[in-house]
Amino acid sequence: NRSLLMNEKEIELIGSASNPSSCPGFLKIQQPDVMLLDISLPDGNGIVLCREIKEQYPAIQILGLSTFNNASYVQNMLDNGASGYILNMPPRKNYGKLSWMPQREKPI
């Protein structure tokens, strides 16, 4: 979600993949340091895609992105290779900062 990153001056957005099937092609050309990955994808499963990406590109740090404020979703993403999780709330509730939860820490 580009809107999460628009005000972050220290982050360079190098591209995006519009769906899971275009993600492998994008990653063959560009390997980001950090990747935002939505759990709910229109034609796929973000948790499964997270595992597949980490198997092929272990250096990429994946941050799960979701509107689901549910510990099981967070844990599922972490168990499948995500380094952290961002709760994507509507703009009126979003305080404008990215939250980082390293994988070695337990979810709160």
PDB file of N, CA and C in Angstrom:
ATOM      1  N   ASN A   1       0.843  -1.173   0.000  1.00  0.00           N
ATOM      2  CA  ASN A   1       0.000   0.000   0.000  1.00  0.00           C
ATOM      3  C   ASN A   1       0.886   1.233   0.000  1.00  0.00           C
ATOM      4  N   ARG A   2       0.921   1.901  -1.118  1.00  0.00           N
ATOM      5  CA  ARG A   2       1.790   3.063  -1.303  1.00  0.00           C
ATOM      6  C   ARG A   2       1.496   4.184  -0.324  1.00  0.00           C
ATOM      7  N   SER A   3       0.236   4.356   0.079  1.00  0.00           N
ATOM      8  CA  SER A   3      -0.110   5.462   0.969  1.00  0.00           C
ATOM      9  C   SER A   3       0.588   5.351   2.324  1.00  0.00           C
ATOM     10  N   LEU A   4       0.929   4.150   2.762  1.00  0.00           N
ATOM     11  CA  LEU A   4       1.653   3.975   4.018  1.00  0.00           C
ATOM     12  C   LEU A   4       3.057   4.554   3.943  1.00  0.00           C
ATOM     13  N   LEU A   5       3.618   4.600   2.742  1.00  0.00           N
ATOM     14  CA  LEU A   5       5.016   4.978   2.581  1.00  0.00           C
ATOM     15  C   LEU A   5       5.224   6.398   2.066  1.00  0.00           C
ATOM     16  N   MET A   6       4.163   7.059   1.666  1.00  0.00           N
ATOM     17  CA  MET A   6       4.292   8.364   1.012  1.00  0.00           C
ATOM     18  C   MET A   6       5.041   9.396   1.856  1.00  0.00           C
ATOM     19  N   ASN A   7       4.851   9.407   3.166  1.00  0.00           N
ATOM     20  CA  ASN A   7       5.472  10.415   4.025  1.00  0.00           C
ATOM     21  C   ASN A   7       6.765   9.942   4.682  1.00  0.00           C
ATOM     22  N   GLU A   8       7.220   8.765   4.330  1.00  0.00           N
ATOM     23  CA  GLU A   8       8.449   8.223   4.909  1.00  0.00           C
ATOM     24  C   GLU A   8       9.632   8.635   4.043  1.00  0.00           C
ATOM     25  N   LYS A   9      10.422   9.604   4.518  1.00  0.00           N
ATOM     26  CA  LYS A   9      11.519  10.159   3.727  1.00  0.00           C
ATOM     27  C   LYS A   9      12.701   9.198   3.569  1.00  0.00           C
ATOM     28  N   GLU A  10      12.852   8.261   4.483  1.00  0.00           N
ATOM     29  CA  GLU A  10      13.990   7.351   4.444  1.00  0.00           C
ATOM     30  C   GLU A  10      13.705   6.077   3.658  1.00  0.00           C
ATOM     31  N   ILE A  11      12.548   6.006   3.025  1.00  0.00           N
ATOM     32  CA  ILE A  11      12.166   4.811   2.273  1.00  0.00           C
ATOM     33  C   ILE A  11      12.059   5.153   0.800  1.00  0.00           C
ATOM     34  N   GLU A  12      12.725   4.348  -0.022  1.00  0.00           N
ATOM     35  CA  GLU A  12      12.620   4.503  -1.472  1.00  0.00           C
ATOM     36  C   GLU A  12      11.740   3.389  -2.003  1.00  0.00           C
ATOM     37  N   LEU A  13      10.649   3.746  -2.638  1.00  0.00           N
ATOM     38  CA  LEU A  13       9.736   2.767  -3.225  1.00  0.00           C
ATOM     39  C   LEU A  13      10.271   2.398  -4.606  1.00  0.00           C
ATOM     40  N   ILE A  14      10.631   1.120  -4.795  1.00  0.00           N
ATOM     41  CA  ILE A  14      11.230   0.710  -6.066  1.00  0.00           C
ATOM     42  C   ILE A  14      10.231   0.058  -7.013  1.00  0.00           C
ATOM     43  N   GLY A  15       9.031  -0.226  -6.538  1.00  0.00           N
ATOM     44  CA  GLY A  15       8.035  -0.812  -7.413  1.00  0.00           C
ATOM     45  C   GLY A  15       6.977  -1.554  -6.644  1.00  0.00           C
ATOM     46  N   SER A  16       6.080  -2.159  -7.396  1.00  0.00           N
ATOM     47  CA  SER A  16       5.013  -2.940  -6.771  1.00  0.00           C
ATOM     48  C   SER A  16       4.546  -4.017  -7.739  1.00  0.00           C
ATOM     49  N   ALA A  17       3.971  -5.044  -7.168  1.00  0.00           N
ATOM     50  CA  ALA A  17       3.357  -6.117  -7.958  1.00  0.00           C
ATOM     51  C   ALA A  17       1.865  -6.059  -7.663  1.00  0.00           C
ATOM     52  N   SER A  18       1.068  -6.089  -8.690  1.00  0.00           N
ATOM     53  CA  SER A  18      -0.373  -5.908  -8.517  1.00  0.00           C
ATOM     54  C   SER A  18      -1.106  -7.172  -8.079  1.00  0.00           C
ATOM     55  N   ASN A  19      -0.459  -8.322  -8.230  1.00  0.00           N
ATOM     56  CA  ASN A  19      -1.098  -9.579  -7.828  1.00  0.00           C
ATOM     57  C   ASN A  19      -0.014 -10.638  -7.608  1.00  0.00           C
ATOM     58  N   PRO A  20      -0.378 -11.752  -6.963  1.00  0.00           N
ATOM     59  CA  PRO A  20       0.624 -12.785  -6.675  1.00  0.00           C
ATOM     60  C   PRO A  20       1.317 -13.348  -7.911  1.00  0.00           C
ATOM     61  N   SER A  21       0.603 -13.443  -9.018  1.00  0.00           N
ATOM     62  CA  SER A  21       1.217 -14.035 -10.210  1.00  0.00           C
ATOM     63  C   SER A  21       2.273 -13.123 -10.834  1.00  0.00           C
ATOM     64  N   SER A  22       2.197 -11.813 -10.598  1.00  0.00           N
ATOM     65  CA  SER A  22       3.214 -10.902 -11.142  1.00  0.00           C
ATOM     66  C   SER A  22       4.395 -10.722 -10.197  1.00  0.00           C
ATOM     67  N   CYS A  23       4.277 -11.201  -8.988  1.00  0.00           N
ATOM     68  CA  CYS A  23       5.332 -11.033  -7.982  1.00  0.00           C
ATOM     69  C   CYS A  23       6.649 -11.734  -8.362  1.00  0.00           C
ATOM     70  N   PRO A  24       6.654 -12.982  -8.802  1.00  0.00           N
ATOM     71  CA  PRO A  24       7.930 -13.625  -9.173  1.00  0.00           C
ATOM     72  C   PRO A  24       8.673 -12.884 -10.276  1.00  0.00           C
ATOM     73  N   GLY A  25       7.952 -12.384 -11.261  1.00  0.00           N
ATOM     74  CA  GLY A  25       8.590 -11.628 -12.335  1.00  0.00           C
ATOM     75  C   GLY A  25       9.220 -10.349 -11.837  1.00  0.00           C
ATOM     76  N   PHE A  26       8.525  -9.669 -10.951  1.00  0.00           N
ATOM     77  CA  PHE A  26       9.055  -8.446 -10.356  1.00  0.00           C
ATOM     78  C   PHE A  26      10.324  -8.749  -9.556  1.00  0.00           C
ATOM     79  N   LEU A  27      10.283  -9.822  -8.755  1.00  0.00           N
ATOM     80  CA  LEU A  27      11.423 -10.153  -7.901  1.00  0.00           C
ATOM     81  C   LEU A  27      12.638 -10.644  -8.686  1.00  0.00           C
ATOM     82  N   LYS A  28      12.437 -11.138  -9.900  1.00  0.00           N
ATOM     83  CA  LYS A  28      13.584 -11.516 -10.733  1.00  0.00           C
ATOM     84  C   LYS A  28      14.355 -10.274 -11.180  1.00  0.00           C
ATOM     85  N   ILE A  29      13.650  -9.152 -11.292  1.00  0.00           N
ATOM     86  CA  ILE A  29      14.261  -7.903 -11.744  1.00  0.00           C
ATOM     87  C   ILE A  29      14.748  -7.056 -10.565  1.00  0.00           C
ATOM     88  N   GLN A  30      13.934  -6.982  -9.530  1.00  0.00           N
ATOM     89  CA  GLN A  30      14.210  -6.142  -8.357  1.00  0.00           C
ATOM     90  C   GLN A  30      14.117  -6.980  -7.087  1.00  0.00           C
ATOM     91  N   GLN A  31      15.091  -6.867  -6.216  1.00  0.00           N
ATOM     92  CA  GLN A  31      14.988  -7.486  -4.902  1.00  0.00           C
ATOM     93  C   GLN A  31      15.046  -6.384  -3.849  1.00  0.00           C
ATOM     94  N   PRO A  32      13.906  -6.044  -3.285  1.00  0.00           N
ATOM     95  CA  PRO A  32      13.889  -4.980  -2.279  1.00  0.00           C
ATOM     96  C   PRO A  32      14.507  -5.464  -0.969  1.00  0.00           C
ATOM     97  N   ASP A  33      14.923  -4.518  -0.154  1.00  0.00           N
ATOM     98  CA  ASP A  33      15.390  -4.853   1.190  1.00  0.00           C
ATOM     99  C   ASP A  33      14.200  -5.255   2.059  1.00  0.00           C
ATOM    100  N   VAL A  34      13.107  -4.503   1.904  1.00  0.00           N
ATOM    101  CA  VAL A  34      11.893  -4.728   2.685  1.00  0.00           C
ATOM    102  C   VAL A  34      10.711  -4.744   1.726  1.00  0.00           C
ATOM    103  N   MET A  35       9.775  -5.636   1.992  1.00  0.00           N
ATOM    104  CA  MET A  35       8.600  -5.780   1.139  1.00  0.00           C
ATOM    105  C   MET A  35       7.346  -5.777   1.999  1.00  0.00           C
ATOM    106  N   LEU A  36       6.357  -4.974   1.616  1.00  0.00           N
ATOM    107  CA  LEU A  36       5.043  -5.029   2.257  1.00  0.00           C
ATOM    108  C   LEU A  36       4.221  -6.065   1.508  1.00  0.00           C
ATOM    109  N   LEU A  37       3.611  -6.970   2.236  1.00  0.00           N
ATOM    110  CA  LEU A  37       2.832  -8.035   1.606  1.00  0.00           C
ATOM    111  C   LEU A  37       1.485  -8.149   2.302  1.00  0.00           C
ATOM    112  N   ASP A  38       0.438  -7.859   1.556  1.00  0.00           N
ATOM    113  CA  ASP A  38      -0.914  -7.950   2.107  1.00  0.00           C
ATOM    114  C   ASP A  38      -1.289  -9.409   2.313  1.00  0.00           C
ATOM    115  N   ILE A  39      -1.923  -9.696   3.419  1.00  0.00           N
ATOM    116  CA  ILE A  39      -2.373 -11.062   3.697  1.00  0.00           C
ATOM    117  C   ILE A  39      -3.519 -11.453   2.776  1.00  0.00           C
ATOM    118  N   SER A  40      -4.451 -10.529   2.565  1.00  0.00           N
ATOM    119  CA  SER A  40      -5.636 -10.802   1.735  1.00  0.00           C
ATOM    120  C   SER A  40      -5.394 -10.303   0.324  1.00  0.00           C
ATOM    121  N   LEU A  41      -5.171 -11.219  -0.577  1.00  0.00           N
ATOM    122  CA  LEU A  41      -4.931 -10.879  -1.976  1.00  0.00           C
ATOM    123  C   LEU A  41      -6.118 -11.320  -2.815  1.00  0.00           C
ATOM    124  N   PRO A  42      -6.424 -10.559  -3.878  1.00  0.00           N
ATOM    125  CA  PRO A  42      -7.610 -10.886  -4.685  1.00  0.00           C
ATOM    126  C   PRO A  42      -7.548 -12.269  -5.344  1.00  0.00           C
ATOM    127  N   ASP A  43      -6.352 -12.714  -5.699  1.00  0.00           N
ATOM    128  CA  ASP A  43      -6.258 -14.001  -6.386  1.00  0.00           C
ATOM    129  C   ASP A  43      -5.189 -14.896  -5.771  1.00  0.00           C
ATOM    130  N   GLY A  44      -5.035 -14.813  -4.453  1.00  0.00           N
ATOM    131  CA  GLY A  44      -4.046 -15.651  -3.801  1.00  0.00           C
ATOM    132  C   GLY A  44      -4.037 -15.445  -2.295  1.00  0.00           C
ATOM    133  N   ASN A  45      -3.083 -16.087  -1.661  1.00  0.00           N
ATOM    134  CA  ASN A  45      -2.971 -16.045  -0.214  1.00  0.00           C
ATOM    135  C   ASN A  45      -1.620 -15.430   0.148  1.00  0.00           C
ATOM    136  N   GLY A  46      -1.638 -14.304   0.855  1.00  0.00           N
ATOM    137  CA  GLY A  46      -0.412 -13.613   1.212  1.00  0.00           C
ATOM    138  C   GLY A  46       0.486 -14.421   2.124  1.00  0.00           C
ATOM    139  N   ILE A  47      -0.093 -15.255   2.969  1.00  0.00           N
ATOM    140  CA  ILE A  47       0.701 -16.071   3.876  1.00  0.00           C
ATOM    141  C   ILE A  47       1.498 -17.115   3.100  1.00  0.00           C
ATOM    142  N   VAL A  48       0.849 -17.759   2.144  1.00  0.00           N
ATOM    143  CA  VAL A  48       1.529 -18.744   1.291  1.00  0.00           C
ATOM    144  C   VAL A  48       2.592 -18.054   0.442  1.00  0.00           C
ATOM    145  N   LEU A  49       2.248 -16.900  -0.121  1.00  0.00           N
ATOM    146  CA  LEU A  49       3.196 -16.152  -0.947  1.00  0.00           C
ATOM    147  C   LEU A  49       4.407 -15.716  -0.115  1.00  0.00           C
ATOM    148  N   CYS A  50       4.191 -15.340   1.125  1.00  0.00           N
ATOM    149  CA  CYS A  50       5.279 -14.967   2.025  1.00  0.00           C
ATOM    150  C   CYS A  50       6.274 -16.123   2.151  1.00  0.00           C
ATOM    151  N   ARG A  51       5.781 -17.310   2.389  1.00  0.00           N
ATOM    152  CA  ARG A  51       6.648 -18.487   2.523  1.00  0.00           C
ATOM    153  C   ARG A  51       7.421 -18.745   1.230  1.00  0.00           C
ATOM    154  N   GLU A  52       6.743 -18.644   0.089  1.00  0.00           N
ATOM    155  CA  GLU A  52       7.393 -18.884  -1.196  1.00  0.00           C
ATOM    156  C   GLU A  52       8.493 -17.862  -1.476  1.00  0.00           C
ATOM    157  N   ILE A  53       8.227 -16.597  -1.165  1.00  0.00           N
ATOM    158  CA  ILE A  53       9.226 -15.546  -1.382  1.00  0.00           C
ATOM    159  C   ILE A  53      10.442 -15.777  -0.488  1.00  0.00           C
ATOM    160  N   LYS A  54      10.208 -16.091   0.788  1.00  0.00           N
ATOM    161  CA  LYS A  54      11.325 -16.308   1.712  1.00  0.00           C
ATOM    162  C   LYS A  54      12.163 -17.523   1.324  1.00  0.00           C
ATOM    163  N   GLU A  55      11.545 -18.543   0.721  1.00  0.00           N
ATOM    164  CA  GLU A  55      12.300 -19.707   0.256  1.00  0.00           C
ATOM    165  C   GLU A  55      13.249 -19.331  -0.873  1.00  0.00           C
ATOM    166  N   GLN A  56      12.797 -18.461  -1.785  1.00  0.00           N
ATOM    167  CA  GLN A  56      13.624 -18.084  -2.937  1.00  0.00           C
ATOM    168  C   GLN A  56      14.514 -16.875  -2.677  1.00  0.00           C
ATOM    169  N   TYR A  57      14.075 -15.973  -1.809  1.00  0.00           N
ATOM    170  CA  TYR A  57      14.794 -14.731  -1.532  1.00  0.00           C
ATOM    171  C   TYR A  57      14.876 -14.500  -0.021  1.00  0.00           C
ATOM    172  N   PRO A  58      15.670 -15.275   0.674  1.00  0.00           N
ATOM    173  CA  PRO A  58      15.697 -15.200   2.143  1.00  0.00           C
ATOM    174  C   PRO A  58      16.169 -13.854   2.701  1.00  0.00           C
ATOM    175  N   ALA A  59      16.880 -13.058   1.916  1.00  0.00           N
ATOM    176  CA  ALA A  59      17.379 -11.773   2.421  1.00  0.00           C
ATOM    177  C   ALA A  59      16.285 -10.699   2.476  1.00  0.00           C
ATOM    178  N   ILE A  60      15.202 -10.875   1.736  1.00  0.00           N
ATOM    179  CA  ILE A  60      14.131  -9.878   1.735  1.00  0.00           C
ATOM    180  C   ILE A  60      13.387  -9.937   3.063  1.00  0.00           C
ATOM    181  N   GLN A  61      13.267  -8.791   3.709  1.00  0.00           N
ATOM    182  CA  GLN A  61      12.489  -8.681   4.935  1.00  0.00           C
ATOM    183  C   GLN A  61      11.048  -8.388   4.552  1.00  0.00           C
ATOM    184  N   ILE A  62      10.129  -9.232   4.941  1.00  0.00           N
ATOM    185  CA  ILE A  62       8.720  -9.083   4.570  1.00  0.00           C
ATOM    186  C   ILE A  62       7.938  -8.596   5.771  1.00  0.00           C
ATOM    187  N   LEU A  63       7.161  -7.545   5.545  1.00  0.00           N
ATOM    188  CA  LEU A  63       6.243  -7.050   6.558  1.00  0.00           C
ATOM    189  C   LEU A  63       4.834  -7.393   6.107  1.00  0.00           C
ATOM    190  N   GLY A  64       4.133  -8.192   6.905  1.00  0.00           N
ATOM    191  CA  GLY A  64       2.750  -8.530   6.607  1.00  0.00           C
ATOM    192  C   GLY A  64       1.886  -7.302   6.800  1.00  0.00           C
ATOM    193  N   LEU A  65       0.924  -7.123   5.940  1.00  0.00           N
ATOM    194  CA  LEU A  65       0.034  -5.967   5.973  1.00  0.00           C
ATOM    195  C   LEU A  65      -1.392  -6.472   5.965  1.00  0.00           C
ATOM    196  N   SER A  66      -2.202  -5.994   6.905  1.00  0.00           N
ATOM    197  CA  SER A  66      -3.582  -6.463   6.947  1.00  0.00           C
ATOM    198  C   SER A  66      -4.462  -5.523   7.753  1.00  0.00           C
ATOM    199  N   THR A  67      -5.735  -5.593   7.478  1.00  0.00           N
ATOM    200  CA  THR A  67      -6.725  -4.887   8.299  1.00  0.00           C
ATOM    201  C   THR A  67      -7.201  -5.779   9.434  1.00  0.00           C
ATOM    202  N   PHE A  68      -6.760  -7.043   9.438  1.00  0.00           N
ATOM    203  CA  PHE A  68      -7.164  -7.991  10.475  1.00  0.00           C
ATOM    204  C   PHE A  68      -6.316  -7.806  11.729  1.00  0.00           C
ATOM    205  N   ASN A  69      -6.940  -7.387  12.804  1.00  0.00           N
ATOM    206  CA  ASN A  69      -6.251  -7.220  14.079  1.00  0.00           C
ATOM    207  C   ASN A  69      -6.462  -8.497  14.885  1.00  0.00           C
ATOM    208  N   ASN A  70      -5.805  -9.554  14.445  1.00  0.00           N
ATOM    209  CA  ASN A  70      -6.020 -10.871  15.016  1.00  0.00           C
ATOM    210  C   ASN A  70      -4.657 -11.539  15.215  1.00  0.00           C
ATOM    211  N   ALA A  71      -4.384 -11.955  16.447  1.00  0.00           N
ATOM    212  CA  ALA A  71      -3.077 -12.539  16.768  1.00  0.00           C
ATOM    213  C   ALA A  71      -2.748 -13.754  15.918  1.00  0.00           C
ATOM    214  N   SER A  72      -3.747 -14.542  15.514  1.00  0.00           N
ATOM    215  CA  SER A  72      -3.457 -15.735  14.712  1.00  0.00           C
ATOM    216  C   SER A  72      -2.963 -15.365  13.313  1.00  0.00           C
ATOM    217  N   TYR A  73      -3.476 -14.274  12.732  1.00  0.00           N
ATOM    218  CA  TYR A  73      -2.984 -13.819  11.425  1.00  0.00           C
ATOM    219  C   TYR A  73      -1.534 -13.355  11.552  1.00  0.00           C
ATOM    220  N   VAL A  74      -1.260 -12.590  12.609  1.00  0.00           N
ATOM    221  CA  VAL A  74       0.104 -12.112  12.836  1.00  0.00           C
ATOM    222  C   VAL A  74       1.042 -13.301  12.982  1.00  0.00           C
ATOM    223  N   GLN A  75       0.681 -14.258  13.825  1.00  0.00           N
ATOM    224  CA  GLN A  75       1.534 -15.414  14.071  1.00  0.00           C
ATOM    225  C   GLN A  75       1.728 -16.246  12.811  1.00  0.00           C
ATOM    226  N   ASN A  76       0.676 -16.393  12.002  1.00  0.00           N
ATOM    227  CA  ASN A  76       0.770 -17.128  10.741  1.00  0.00           C
ATOM    228  C   ASN A  76       1.796 -16.489   9.805  1.00  0.00           C
ATOM    229  N   MET A  77       1.763 -15.160   9.704  1.00  0.00           N
ATOM    230  CA  MET A  77       2.735 -14.470   8.850  1.00  0.00           C
ATOM    231  C   MET A  77       4.148 -14.662   9.386  1.00  0.00           C
ATOM    232  N   LEU A  78       4.323 -14.524  10.694  1.00  0.00           N
ATOM    233  CA  LEU A  78       5.649 -14.693  11.287  1.00  0.00           C
ATOM    234  C   LEU A  78       6.148 -16.124  11.112  1.00  0.00           C
ATOM    235  N   ASP A  79       5.257 -17.086  11.277  1.00  0.00           N
ATOM    236  CA  ASP A  79       5.635 -18.496  11.108  1.00  0.00           C
ATOM    237  C   ASP A  79       6.030 -18.827   9.670  1.00  0.00           C
ATOM    238  N   ASN A  80       5.556 -18.030   8.722  1.00  0.00           N
ATOM    239  CA  ASN A  80       5.856 -18.279   7.314  1.00  0.00           C
ATOM    240  C   ASN A  80       6.903 -17.336   6.751  1.00  0.00           C
ATOM    241  N   GLY A  81       7.681 -16.697   7.648  1.00  0.00           N
ATOM    242  CA  GLY A  81       8.849 -15.948   7.202  1.00  0.00           C
ATOM    243  C   GLY A  81       8.788 -14.442   7.316  1.00  0.00           C
ATOM    244  N   ALA A  82       7.642 -13.875   7.671  1.00  0.00           N
ATOM    245  CA  ALA A  82       7.574 -12.419   7.792  1.00  0.00           C
ATOM    246  C   ALA A  82       8.436 -11.946   8.957  1.00  0.00           C
ATOM    247  N   SER A  83       9.016 -10.775   8.794  1.00  0.00           N
ATOM    248  CA  SER A  83       9.843 -10.182   9.838  1.00  0.00           C
ATOM    249  C   SER A  83       9.025  -9.301  10.775  1.00  0.00           C
ATOM    250  N   GLY A  84       7.836  -8.934  10.356  1.00  0.00           N
ATOM    251  CA  GLY A  84       6.980  -8.075  11.155  1.00  0.00           C
ATOM    252  C   GLY A  84       5.598  -7.994  10.544  1.00  0.00           C
ATOM    253  N   TYR A  85       4.765  -7.159  11.144  1.00  0.00           N
ATOM    254  CA  TYR A  85       3.356  -7.082  10.758  1.00  0.00           C
ATOM    255  C   TYR A  85       2.885  -5.648  10.946  1.00  0.00           C
ATOM    256  N   ILE A  86       2.191  -5.110   9.971  1.00  0.00           N
ATOM    257  CA  ILE A  86       1.639  -3.758  10.054  1.00  0.00           C
ATOM    258  C   ILE A  86       0.125  -3.864   9.983  1.00  0.00           C
ATOM    259  N   LEU A  87      -0.527  -3.299  10.960  1.00  0.00           N
ATOM    260  CA  LEU A  87      -1.982  -3.240  10.953  1.00  0.00           C
ATOM    261  C   LEU A  87      -2.381  -2.041  10.112  1.00  0.00           C
ATOM    262  N   ASN A  88      -3.030  -2.293   9.000  1.00  0.00           N
ATOM    263  CA  ASN A  88      -3.429  -1.255   8.049  1.00  0.00           C
ATOM    264  C   ASN A  88      -4.816  -0.759   8.431  1.00  0.00           C
ATOM    265  N   MET A  89      -4.848   0.304   9.198  1.00  0.00           N
ATOM    266  CA  MET A  89      -6.121   0.857   9.661  1.00  0.00           C
ATOM    267  C   MET A  89      -6.556   1.982   8.734  1.00  0.00           C
ATOM    268  N   PRO A  90      -7.850   2.316   8.734  1.00  0.00           N
ATOM    269  CA  PRO A  90      -8.326   3.441   7.922  1.00  0.00           C
ATOM    270  C   PRO A  90      -7.575   4.721   8.297  1.00  0.00           C
ATOM    271  N   PRO A  91      -7.421   5.651   7.351  1.00  0.00           N
ATOM    272  CA  PRO A  91      -6.626   6.860   7.595  1.00  0.00           C
ATOM    273  C   PRO A  91      -7.007   7.621   8.864  1.00  0.00           C
ATOM    274  N   ARG A  92      -8.260   7.683   9.221  1.00  0.00           N
ATOM    275  CA  ARG A  92      -8.651   8.450  10.409  1.00  0.00           C
ATOM    276  C   ARG A  92      -8.136   7.805  11.693  1.00  0.00           C
ATOM    277  N   LYS A  93      -7.794   6.509  11.625  1.00  0.00           N
ATOM    278  CA  LYS A  93      -7.275   5.821  12.796  1.00  0.00           C
ATOM    279  C   LYS A  93      -5.775   5.571  12.701  1.00  0.00           C
ATOM    280  N   ASN A  94      -5.220   5.763  11.527  1.00  0.00           N
ATOM    281  CA  ASN A  94      -3.798   5.494  11.312  1.00  0.00           C
ATOM    282  C   ASN A  94      -2.999   6.688  11.803  1.00  0.00           C
ATOM    283  N   TYR A  95      -2.072   6.450  12.692  1.00  0.00           N
ATOM    284  CA  TYR A  95      -1.305   7.532  13.287  1.00  0.00           C
ATOM    285  C   TYR A  95      -0.089   7.919  12.472  1.00  0.00           C
ATOM    286  N   GLY A  96       0.046   7.373  11.290  1.00  0.00           N
ATOM    287  CA  GLY A  96       1.068   7.822  10.362  1.00  0.00           C
ATOM    288  C   GLY A  96       2.458   7.246  10.553  1.00  0.00           C
ATOM    289  N   LYS A  97       2.628   6.298  11.407  1.00  0.00           N
ATOM    290  CA  LYS A  97       3.945   5.693  11.616  1.00  0.00           C
ATOM    291  C   LYS A  97       3.882   4.207  11.340  1.00  0.00           C
ATOM    292  N   LEU A  98       4.934   3.687  10.764  1.00  0.00           N
ATOM    293  CA  LEU A  98       5.042   2.257  10.556  1.00  0.00           C
ATOM    294  C   LEU A  98       5.481   1.611  11.862  1.00  0.00           C
ATOM    295  N   SER A  99       4.916   0.489  12.189  1.00  0.00           N
ATOM    296  CA  SER A  99       5.322  -0.239  13.389  1.00  0.00           C
ATOM    297  C   SER A  99       6.160  -1.430  12.961  1.00  0.00           C
ATOM    298  N   TRP A 100       7.272  -1.640  13.627  1.00  0.00           N
ATOM    299  CA  TRP A 100       8.172  -2.730  13.297  1.00  0.00           C
ATOM    300  C   TRP A 100       8.193  -3.699  14.451  1.00  0.00           C
ATOM    301  N   MET A 101       7.930  -4.957  14.163  1.00  0.00           N
ATOM    302  CA  MET A 101       7.982  -5.983  15.183  1.00  0.00           C
ATOM    303  C   MET A 101       8.920  -7.068  14.702  1.00  0.00           C
ATOM    304  N   PRO A 102      10.176  -7.049  15.141  1.00  0.00           N
ATOM    305  CA  PRO A 102      11.125  -8.071  14.678  1.00  0.00           C
ATOM    306  C   PRO A 102      10.617  -9.473  14.985  1.00  0.00           C
ATOM    307  N   GLN A 103      10.978 -10.419  14.166  1.00  0.00           N
ATOM    308  CA  GLN A 103      10.495 -11.797  14.323  1.00  0.00           C
ATOM    309  C   GLN A 103      10.924 -12.394  15.650  1.00  0.00           C
ATOM    310  N   ARG A 104      12.033 -11.959  16.197  1.00  0.00           N
ATOM    311  CA  ARG A 104      12.499 -12.550  17.450  1.00  0.00           C
ATOM    312  C   ARG A 104      11.666 -12.105  18.648  1.00  0.00           C
ATOM    313  N   GLU A 105      10.867 -11.060  18.488  1.00  0.00           N
ATOM    314  CA  GLU A 105      10.010 -10.594  19.563  1.00  0.00           C
ATOM    315  C   GLU A 105       8.651 -11.265  19.469  1.00  0.00           C
ATOM    316  N   LYS A 106       8.010 -11.449  20.601  1.00  0.00           N
ATOM    317  CA  LYS A 106       6.675 -12.025  20.610  1.00  0.00           C
ATOM    318  C   LYS A 106       5.648 -10.944  20.310  1.00  0.00           C
ATOM    319  N   PRO A 107       4.572 -11.270  19.567  1.00  0.00           N
ATOM    320  CA  PRO A 107       3.525 -10.272  19.301  1.00  0.00           C
ATOM    321  C   PRO A 107       2.867  -9.831  20.616  1.00  0.00           C
ATOM    322  N   ILE A 108       2.486  -8.586  20.639  1.00  0.00           N
ATOM    323  CA  ILE A 108       1.815  -8.054  21.818  1.00  0.00           C
ATOM    324  C   ILE A 108       0.319  -8.247  21.684  1.00  0.00           C
TER     325      ILE A 108
END
